[in-house]
Amino acid sequence: MKRTDASGQSDDQQHYDVLIVGGGMVGATIACGLGQQGIRVAVFDQCKPSPLPAEALPELRVSALSTASEEILRQLGAWPHMQSMRMTPYRRMAVWEKLHSPFGKEIDSRANRVMFDARLINHSQLGFIVENRVTQSGLLEAIKSYPSVSFFCPVSIQTIHTSSTPPVIELSDGRRFSGDLLVGADGANSRVRQAAGLAMNQRDYEQRCLVATVEIAGGCQDITWQAFTPTGPEAFLPLPDINGRSYGSIVWYNHPEKVRELLALSKEAFIEALATTFPAELPDVIQLHERGAFPIARRHVTEYFRQGVVLAGDAAHTINPLAGQGVNLGLQDAAWLIEILVDALRAGENPGSTEVLARYEQARRSDNALMMNTMDAFYHTFSNQSKPLQLLRNLGLTLAGKLSPAINQVMKYAMGLSGKQPRLATGKKL
């Protein structure tokens, strides 16, 4: 018979300061930050990324990491591992609305284009396009240098007990783990969120997002751009050169039925559709390597926490991926949660207490909601084909393109160089 002590702990149940479900980019970031401070952490995941051969083609899922995200990853020791793999700096970002003449021909003029250029604020780049597997692999390498972090993978979680104090995770092999705090960093379909009964508001968009990895002519690009259309943006992101060949990531928003048609096309027909539909700025596409699609939804939990349980990243919110801010928001969640938990533990507080976790929600809810509302405003504004509104927004883009101070401020905000930032994002030690 298993013995239990006065707190209900069985003698074969391991206890940690923090349990993290999800070893992806957000969960691994939290583990590194806490492990760096010697806090006992257990991370659970079903699988981890396999090694990325240097000659492997680019992955389909990539993210645009901001300067603030770079600093967070650098402070935690992951960035050098990522640099040893591959990433692509982008120095310019262009945004415009694709316009057509009354006869249907695309207008070549780009008077309504807004160009963001890192040189205008004396930075070498706006950010980096990085494959998600590279970021996760770099973090998992960094975790190895923190002995207080235990990484359990691959494992299958049988049950999550959030009503007990402290929370308990039971694996399918019978092992049990308790922690003063349980962190749900397990994605949009979070089991931790469901187990804790934390409600989520959701609104689906009438679009799907198609992503494709293509080989391009003309060498590695240093620009990412988005051209807005009535059916959603058409975008290009630069990817690294591999074995002398250049690549790019195509992002194509459209109605679900159109996306299904595009996925069903042959490779040759898909390339032809790109050439006839995308703006002339698209480099010549030599070959299609991979494509896929996913639905777009806005999700935000009504509460980020309950006693002993807290959510971060996609488990707490998902955003329209218009500006590629989803991963950056998740890393901001992670950095703020790390900071608040470290400060609380130093002050002798219980990291799972509602007083501590309320500070985290206060730090994140309004910023996440602001970014969601901003992306919604872009989505609805550019989807509306009212002629007066179209004239107004293009006048606004044209004027914005000529207002350097305003552009510079937007760049700094997107890069995480303005506004309130967690200490890890500013290079300060915890």
Protein backbone atom coordinates (compact mmCIF):
# COMPACT_ATOMS: atom_id res chain seq x y z
CA MET A 1 0.00 0.00 0.00
CA LYS A 2 1.24 3.49 -0.87
CA ARG A 3 1.97 5.68 2.11
CA THR A 4 0.82 9.29 2.18
CA ASP A 5 1.93 12.09 4.42
CA ALA A 6 -0.24 14.78 6.02
CA SER A 7 -0.33 16.81 2.80
CA GLY A 8 -1.68 13.87 0.82
CA GLN A 9 1.63 13.18 -0.97
CA SER A 10 2.30 9.53 -1.75
CA ASP A 11 5.80 8.18 -1.35
CA ASP A 12 6.10 7.52 -5.10
CA GLN A 13 4.89 10.99 -6.12
CA GLN A 14 7.58 13.46 -7.12
CA HIS A 15 7.12 17.09 -6.13
CA TYR A 16 8.43 20.14 -8.02
CA ASP A 17 8.07 23.87 -7.62
CA VAL A 18 6.51 24.15 -11.09
CA LEU A 19 5.02 21.62 -13.51
CA ILE A 20 4.84 22.65 -17.19
CA VAL A 21 2.65 20.79 -19.66
CA GLY A 22 4.01 21.51 -23.14
CA GLY A 23 7.64 21.62 -24.19
CA GLY A 24 7.14 23.81 -27.25
CA MET A 25 8.55 27.29 -27.67
CA VAL A 26 6.58 28.90 -24.83
CA GLY A 27 6.81 26.02 -22.34
CA ALA A 28 10.52 25.52 -22.98
CA THR A 29 11.14 29.27 -22.54
CA ILE A 30 9.43 29.23 -19.14
CA ALA A 31 11.42 26.15 -18.12
CA CYS A 32 14.73 27.79 -19.12
CA GLY A 33 13.94 31.01 -17.27
CA LEU A 34 12.97 29.25 -14.05
CA GLY A 35 15.77 26.71 -14.35
CA GLN A 36 18.28 29.52 -14.73
CA GLN A 37 17.29 30.59 -11.22
CA GLY A 38 17.59 27.07 -9.78
CA ILE A 39 13.82 26.56 -9.45
CA ARG A 40 12.78 22.91 -9.64
CA VAL A 41 10.76 22.40 -12.81
CA ALA A 42 9.30 19.36 -14.55
CA VAL A 43 8.31 19.64 -18.24
CA PHE A 44 6.06 17.10 -19.96
CA ASP A 45 5.57 16.62 -23.68
CA GLN A 46 4.49 13.91 -26.10
CA CYS A 47 7.38 14.36 -28.52
CA LYS A 48 10.38 16.56 -29.16
CA PRO A 49 11.76 17.77 -32.48
CA SER A 50 14.21 15.52 -34.26
CA PRO A 51 17.62 17.00 -35.16
CA LEU A 52 17.53 19.35 -38.15
CA PRO A 53 20.14 18.35 -40.78
CA ALA A 54 21.93 21.35 -42.26
CA GLU A 55 20.87 20.35 -45.77
CA ALA A 56 17.19 19.76 -44.91
CA LEU A 57 14.64 21.87 -46.76
CA PRO A 58 13.02 24.68 -44.75
CA GLU A 59 10.16 23.73 -42.46
CA LEU A 60 6.63 24.85 -43.29
CA ARG A 61 5.95 26.50 -39.90
CA VAL A 62 8.07 29.61 -39.38
CA SER A 63 7.80 32.69 -37.17
CA ALA A 64 8.96 36.29 -37.36
CA LEU A 65 10.87 36.77 -34.11
CA SER A 66 11.11 40.35 -32.88
CA THR A 67 14.14 42.01 -31.30
CA ALA A 68 12.53 41.58 -27.87
CA SER A 69 12.04 37.85 -28.52
CA GLU A 70 15.65 37.58 -29.66
CA GLU A 71 16.80 39.17 -26.40
CA ILE A 72 14.67 36.80 -24.31
CA LEU A 73 16.07 33.78 -26.13
CA ARG A 74 19.60 35.17 -25.90
CA GLN A 75 19.32 35.75 -22.13
CA LEU A 76 18.18 32.15 -21.64
CA GLY A 77 21.04 30.66 -23.66
CA ALA A 78 18.97 29.42 -26.60
CA TRP A 79 20.01 31.96 -29.24
CA PRO A 80 23.55 30.63 -29.88
CA HIS A 81 22.13 27.14 -30.47
CA MET A 82 19.62 28.61 -32.91
CA GLN A 83 22.33 30.58 -34.72
CA SER A 84 24.31 27.38 -35.16
CA MET A 85 21.34 26.02 -37.13
CA ARG A 86 19.80 28.69 -39.38
CA MET A 87 17.68 31.83 -39.49
CA THR A 88 17.11 34.74 -41.86
CA PRO A 89 17.27 38.42 -40.85
CA TYR A 90 14.75 40.73 -42.47
CA ARG A 91 15.69 44.37 -42.63
CA ARG A 92 12.64 45.80 -44.39
CA MET A 93 8.90 45.18 -44.22
CA ALA A 94 6.43 46.56 -46.74
CA VAL A 95 2.64 46.85 -46.46
CA TRP A 96 0.21 48.04 -49.14
CA GLU A 97 -3.25 47.39 -50.56
CA LYS A 98 -3.36 45.74 -53.96
CA LEU A 99 -5.47 47.94 -56.24
CA HIS A 100 -7.00 47.26 -59.65
CA SER A 101 -8.16 49.48 -62.47
CA PRO A 102 -11.86 49.49 -63.48
CA PHE A 103 -10.86 46.96 -66.18
CA GLY A 104 -9.46 44.50 -63.60
CA LYS A 105 -5.74 45.05 -64.23
CA GLU A 106 -3.54 45.40 -61.14
CA ILE A 107 -2.21 48.92 -60.67
CA ASP A 108 1.59 48.86 -60.58
CA SER A 109 1.93 52.09 -58.62
CA ARG A 110 2.82 51.66 -54.95
CA ALA A 111 1.93 55.16 -53.77
CA ASN A 112 0.02 53.57 -50.88
CA ARG A 113 2.94 51.42 -49.74
CA VAL A 114 4.35 51.82 -46.23
CA MET A 115 7.97 50.68 -45.95
CA PHE A 116 9.55 49.89 -42.58
CA ASP A 117 13.35 49.92 -42.76
CA ALA A 118 15.56 49.01 -39.80
CA ARG A 119 18.21 51.48 -40.94
CA LEU A 120 15.85 54.36 -40.08
CA ILE A 121 16.15 53.50 -36.38
CA ASN A 122 19.83 52.47 -36.58
CA HIS A 123 19.19 48.73 -36.28
CA SER A 124 20.72 46.04 -38.46
CA GLN A 125 17.39 44.18 -38.82
CA LEU A 126 13.73 44.32 -37.82
CA GLY A 127 13.78 40.69 -36.75
CA PHE A 128 14.44 37.15 -37.92
CA ILE A 129 12.37 34.59 -39.80
CA VAL A 130 13.04 31.35 -37.92
CA GLU A 131 11.63 27.88 -38.37
CA ASN A 132 9.66 26.88 -35.29
CA ARG A 133 11.68 23.67 -34.99
CA VAL A 134 14.89 25.73 -34.82
CA THR A 135 13.55 27.85 -31.96
CA GLN A 136 12.24 24.86 -30.02
CA SER A 137 15.45 22.86 -30.58
CA GLY A 138 17.57 25.79 -29.38
CA LEU A 139 15.52 26.06 -26.20
CA LEU A 140 15.70 22.33 -25.52
CA GLU A 141 19.48 22.47 -25.91
CA ALA A 142 19.60 25.36 -23.43
CA ILE A 143 17.48 23.39 -20.94
CA LYS A 144 20.26 20.81 -20.69
CA SER A 145 22.46 23.36 -18.91
CA TYR A 146 19.91 23.86 -16.10
CA PRO A 147 20.10 20.86 -13.70
CA SER A 148 16.97 21.86 -11.79
CA VAL A 149 14.83 21.23 -14.91
CA SER A 150 13.63 17.68 -15.63
CA PHE A 151 12.30 17.08 -19.14
CA PHE A 152 9.96 14.10 -19.46
CA CYS A 153 9.50 13.23 -23.12
CA PRO A 154 7.97 11.33 -24.77
CA VAL A 155 5.23 10.79 -22.21
CA SER A 156 1.46 10.52 -22.28
CA ILE A 157 -0.54 12.27 -19.59
CA GLN A 158 -3.37 10.16 -18.24
CA THR A 159 -5.00 12.61 -15.83
CA ILE A 160 -4.56 16.22 -14.75
CA HIS A 161 -5.87 16.94 -11.25
CA THR A 162 -6.37 20.67 -10.82
CA SER A 163 -8.85 20.55 -7.94
CA SER A 164 -6.26 19.08 -5.57
CA THR A 165 -3.78 21.22 -3.66
CA PRO A 166 -1.16 21.08 -5.00
CA PRO A 167 -2.09 20.14 -8.62
CA VAL A 168 -1.11 16.62 -9.71
CA ILE A 169 -0.26 15.10 -13.08
CA GLU A 170 -0.55 11.34 -13.56
CA LEU A 171 1.18 9.74 -16.55
CA SER A 172 -0.12 6.72 -18.45
CA ASP A 173 2.71 4.64 -16.96
CA GLY A 174 1.44 5.41 -13.45
CA ARG A 175 4.02 7.97 -12.39
CA ARG A 176 2.61 10.96 -10.48
CA PHE A 177 3.98 14.48 -10.12
CA SER A 178 2.80 17.38 -8.00
CA GLY A 179 3.78 21.02 -8.15
CA ASP A 180 3.06 24.25 -6.33
CA LEU A 181 2.09 25.62 -9.76
CA LEU A 182 0.87 23.91 -12.93
CA VAL A 183 1.54 25.83 -16.17
CA GLY A 184 -0.51 25.08 -19.26
CA ALA A 185 1.68 25.81 -22.29
CA ASP A 186 0.08 23.05 -24.33
CA GLY A 187 -1.40 24.96 -27.23
CA ALA A 188 -4.81 26.05 -28.44
CA ASN A 189 -6.46 22.76 -27.46
CA SER A 190 -4.93 22.89 -23.98
CA ARG A 191 -5.78 19.95 -21.72
CA VAL A 192 -4.65 22.00 -18.73
CA ARG A 193 -7.15 24.73 -19.60
CA GLN A 194 -9.93 22.17 -19.96
CA ALA A 195 -9.00 20.38 -16.73
CA ALA A 196 -8.99 23.68 -14.83
CA GLY A 197 -12.35 24.72 -16.28
CA LEU A 198 -11.00 28.01 -17.61
CA ALA A 199 -13.42 29.32 -20.24
CA MET A 200 -12.36 30.71 -23.61
CA ASN A 201 -14.11 33.12 -25.95
CA GLN A 202 -13.65 32.19 -29.61
CA ARG A 203 -14.48 33.83 -32.93
CA ASP A 204 -13.63 32.13 -36.22
CA TYR A 205 -12.68 34.20 -39.24
CA GLU A 206 -14.19 33.49 -42.66
CA GLN A 207 -10.77 32.63 -44.04
CA ARG A 208 -8.10 29.98 -44.03
CA CYS A 209 -4.37 30.60 -44.17
CA LEU A 210 -2.38 28.70 -46.77
CA VAL A 211 1.38 28.47 -46.25
CA ALA A 212 3.89 27.14 -48.75
CA THR A 213 7.64 26.70 -48.92
CA VAL A 214 9.07 27.53 -52.33
CA GLU A 215 12.46 27.74 -53.98
CA ILE A 216 13.05 31.16 -55.51
CA ALA A 217 15.41 32.75 -58.01
CA GLY A 218 17.54 35.79 -57.28
CA GLY A 219 19.21 34.94 -53.98
CA CYS A 220 18.23 35.36 -50.34
CA GLN A 221 15.81 38.23 -49.73
CA ASP A 222 15.98 40.71 -46.84
CA ILE A 223 12.37 41.90 -47.03
CA THR A 224 9.01 40.60 -45.92
CA TRP A 225 5.84 42.08 -47.37
CA GLN A 226 2.06 41.89 -47.20
CA ALA A 227 -0.30 43.03 -49.94
CA PHE A 228 -3.89 43.35 -48.69
CA THR A 229 -6.71 42.12 -50.92
CA PRO A 230 -10.49 41.72 -50.37
CA THR A 231 -9.96 38.00 -49.60
CA GLY A 232 -7.03 38.58 -47.26
CA PRO A 233 -3.29 39.31 -47.45
CA GLU A 234 -0.81 37.82 -49.89
CA ALA A 235 2.55 37.73 -48.14
CA PHE A 236 6.17 36.71 -48.63
CA LEU A 237 8.76 35.87 -45.96
CA PRO A 238 12.44 35.23 -46.74
CA LEU A 239 14.02 31.93 -45.74
CA PRO A 240 17.73 31.00 -45.54
CA ASP A 241 19.83 29.80 -48.43
CA ILE A 242 20.57 26.06 -48.25
CA ASN A 243 23.27 24.46 -50.40
CA GLY A 244 23.36 27.48 -52.68
CA ARG A 245 19.60 27.54 -53.26
CA SER A 246 17.24 30.29 -52.06
CA TYR A 247 13.83 29.84 -50.45
CA GLY A 248 10.81 31.77 -49.33
CA SER A 249 7.62 31.23 -47.38
CA ILE A 250 4.34 32.10 -49.07
CA VAL A 251 1.35 33.08 -46.93
CA TRP A 252 -1.95 33.24 -48.80
CA TYR A 253 -5.22 34.07 -47.02
CA ASN A 254 -8.45 33.24 -48.79
CA HIS A 255 -11.92 31.78 -48.44
CA PRO A 256 -11.95 28.11 -47.34
CA GLU A 257 -13.23 26.80 -50.68
CA LYS A 258 -10.53 28.70 -52.60
CA VAL A 259 -7.81 27.37 -50.29
CA ARG A 260 -9.07 23.83 -50.86
CA GLU A 261 -8.81 24.42 -54.62
CA LEU A 262 -5.24 25.72 -54.28
CA LEU A 263 -4.18 22.73 -52.19
CA ALA A 264 -5.59 20.36 -54.82
CA LEU A 265 -3.62 21.95 -57.70
CA SER A 266 -0.57 20.24 -59.14
CA LYS A 267 2.75 21.81 -58.20
CA GLU A 268 3.04 23.38 -61.65
CA ALA A 269 -0.50 24.78 -61.55
CA PHE A 270 0.04 26.17 -58.04
CA ILE A 271 3.19 28.00 -59.16
CA GLU A 272 1.23 29.41 -62.11
CA ALA A 273 -1.52 30.58 -59.73
CA LEU A 274 1.12 32.36 -57.64
CA ALA A 275 2.61 34.04 -60.71
CA THR A 276 -0.76 35.30 -61.97
CA THR A 277 -2.22 36.32 -58.58
CA PHE A 278 0.59 37.55 -56.31
CA PRO A 279 2.13 41.01 -56.73
CA ALA A 280 5.05 41.55 -59.07
CA GLU A 281 7.33 41.84 -56.01
CA LEU A 282 7.18 38.04 -55.63
CA PRO A 283 10.51 36.56 -56.76
CA ASP A 284 10.37 34.00 -59.56
CA VAL A 285 9.27 30.70 -58.03
CA ILE A 286 11.32 27.77 -59.28
CA GLN A 287 9.79 24.93 -57.31
CA LEU A 288 7.09 24.20 -54.73
CA HIS A 289 8.32 22.02 -51.88
CA GLU A 290 5.52 21.89 -49.31
CA ARG A 291 2.14 23.48 -48.61
CA GLY A 292 -0.57 23.28 -46.00
CA ALA A 293 -3.41 25.30 -44.51
CA PHE A 294 -5.00 26.04 -41.17
CA PRO A 295 -8.12 27.87 -39.98
CA ILE A 296 -7.87 31.31 -38.41
CA ALA A 297 -9.56 32.08 -35.11
CA ARG A 298 -9.35 34.62 -32.35
CA ARG A 299 -9.38 33.02 -28.91
CA HIS A 300 -8.90 34.58 -25.48
CA VAL A 301 -9.53 33.01 -22.09
CA THR A 302 -11.85 34.78 -19.68
CA GLU A 303 -9.33 34.09 -16.90
CA TYR A 304 -5.61 33.30 -17.19
CA PHE A 305 -5.45 31.39 -13.92
CA ARG A 306 -7.08 29.74 -10.97
CA GLN A 307 -5.46 28.66 -7.72
CA GLY A 308 -2.39 26.61 -8.62
CA VAL A 309 -2.90 26.76 -12.41
CA VAL A 310 -1.91 29.33 -15.05
CA LEU A 311 -1.97 29.49 -18.87
CA ALA A 312 0.55 30.93 -21.33
CA GLY A 313 0.87 31.25 -25.10
CA ASP A 314 -1.73 29.66 -27.36
CA ALA A 315 -3.33 27.94 -24.37
CA ALA A 316 -4.46 31.43 -23.28
CA HIS A 317 -4.90 33.21 -26.62
CA THR A 318 -4.59 32.88 -30.36
CA ILE A 319 -4.49 35.81 -32.73
CA ASN A 320 -5.08 36.52 -36.40
CA PRO A 321 -1.58 35.87 -37.83
CA LEU A 322 -1.62 39.02 -40.01
CA ALA A 323 1.57 40.50 -38.56
CA GLY A 324 3.17 37.28 -37.33
CA GLN A 325 2.92 38.35 -33.69
CA GLY A 326 1.58 35.09 -32.21
CA VAL A 327 4.91 33.61 -31.12
CA ASN A 328 6.17 36.99 -29.90
CA LEU A 329 3.11 37.36 -27.68
CA GLY A 330 3.72 33.86 -26.32
CA LEU A 331 7.35 34.65 -25.52
CA GLN A 332 6.23 37.85 -23.80
CA ASP A 333 3.84 35.74 -21.71
CA ALA A 334 6.73 33.46 -20.82
CA ALA A 335 9.12 36.28 -19.89
CA TRP A 336 6.56 38.04 -17.68
CA LEU A 337 5.55 34.78 -15.97
CA ILE A 338 9.22 33.95 -15.30
CA GLU A 339 9.85 37.38 -13.80
CA ILE A 340 6.76 37.36 -11.59
CA LEU A 341 7.36 33.81 -10.32
CA VAL A 342 11.05 34.44 -9.59
CA ASP A 343 10.23 37.61 -7.65
CA ALA A 344 7.47 35.81 -5.75
CA LEU A 345 9.66 32.88 -4.75
CA ARG A 346 12.40 35.24 -3.57
CA ALA A 347 9.80 36.97 -1.42
CA GLY A 348 8.73 33.66 0.08
CA GLU A 349 5.35 33.60 -1.68
CA ASN A 350 3.63 30.50 -3.04
CA PRO A 351 3.97 30.63 -6.86
CA GLY A 352 0.52 29.06 -7.25
CA SER A 353 -1.29 31.63 -5.12
CA THR A 354 -3.98 33.75 -6.74
CA GLU A 355 -2.19 36.92 -5.54
CA VAL A 356 0.92 36.01 -7.53
CA LEU A 357 -0.90 34.80 -10.63
CA ALA A 358 -3.13 37.89 -10.70
CA ARG A 359 0.03 39.97 -11.29
CA TYR A 360 0.79 37.91 -14.38
CA GLU A 361 -2.72 38.33 -15.79
CA GLN A 362 -2.54 42.06 -15.12
CA ALA A 363 0.75 42.23 -17.03
CA ARG A 364 -0.54 40.31 -20.05
CA ARG A 365 -4.28 40.56 -20.59
CA SER A 366 -4.45 44.18 -21.76
CA ASP A 367 -1.39 43.91 -24.06
CA ASN A 368 -2.65 40.68 -25.63
CA ALA A 369 -6.12 42.16 -26.09
CA LEU A 370 -4.65 45.31 -27.66
CA MET A 371 -2.74 43.27 -30.24
CA MET A 372 -5.83 41.14 -30.96
CA ASN A 373 -8.00 44.23 -31.45
CA THR A 374 -5.39 45.85 -33.69
CA MET A 375 -5.21 42.76 -35.93
CA ASP A 376 -9.03 42.61 -35.99
CA ALA A 377 -9.16 46.24 -37.07
CA PHE A 378 -6.75 45.54 -39.94
CA TYR A 379 -8.70 42.45 -40.95
CA HIS A 380 -12.10 44.13 -41.01
CA THR A 381 -10.87 47.40 -42.51
CA PHE A 382 -9.16 45.77 -45.48
CA SER A 383 -11.92 43.20 -46.02
CA ASN A 384 -14.51 45.95 -46.46
CA GLN A 385 -14.82 47.00 -50.11
CA SER A 386 -16.84 50.16 -49.50
CA LYS A 387 -15.45 52.72 -51.97
CA PRO A 388 -15.31 55.59 -49.44
CA LEU A 389 -13.54 53.35 -46.92
CA GLN A 390 -11.14 52.08 -49.59
CA LEU A 391 -10.29 55.66 -50.52
CA LEU A 392 -9.85 56.62 -46.88
CA ARG A 393 -7.58 53.71 -45.96
CA ASN A 394 -5.37 54.15 -49.04
CA LEU A 395 -5.08 57.87 -48.30
CA GLY A 396 -4.08 56.84 -44.79
CA LEU A 397 -1.44 54.40 -46.08
CA THR A 398 -0.10 57.01 -48.48
CA LEU A 399 0.20 59.61 -45.73
CA ALA A 400 1.68 57.07 -43.29
CA GLY A 401 4.35 56.24 -45.83
CA LYS A 402 5.53 59.85 -45.68
CA LEU A 403 5.52 60.24 -41.89
CA SER A 404 8.90 58.96 -40.73
CA PRO A 405 8.41 59.61 -36.99
CA ALA A 406 5.16 57.63 -36.99
CA ILE A 407 6.74 54.76 -38.95
CA ASN A 408 9.72 54.71 -36.61
CA GLN A 409 7.47 54.49 -33.57
CA VAL A 410 5.46 51.62 -35.07
CA MET A 411 8.71 49.78 -35.84
CA LYS A 412 9.95 50.19 -32.28
CA TYR A 413 6.68 48.92 -30.85
CA ALA A 414 6.60 45.87 -33.14
CA MET A 415 10.24 45.08 -32.30
CA GLY A 416 9.59 45.33 -28.56
CA LEU A 417 11.77 48.43 -28.20
CA SER A 418 9.03 50.60 -26.69
CA GLY A 419 6.31 50.17 -24.10
CA LYS A 420 6.62 48.23 -20.87
CA GLN A 421 8.79 45.14 -21.31
CA PRO A 422 9.79 42.25 -19.02
CA ARG A 423 13.36 42.40 -17.76
CA LEU A 424 14.51 39.49 -19.92
CA ALA A 425 13.43 41.37 -23.08
CA THR A 426 15.57 44.40 -22.18
CA GLY A 427 18.76 42.50 -21.31
CA LYS A 428 18.39 42.99 -17.56
CA LYS A 429 19.12 40.12 -15.23
CA LEU A 430 16.37 38.71 -13.05
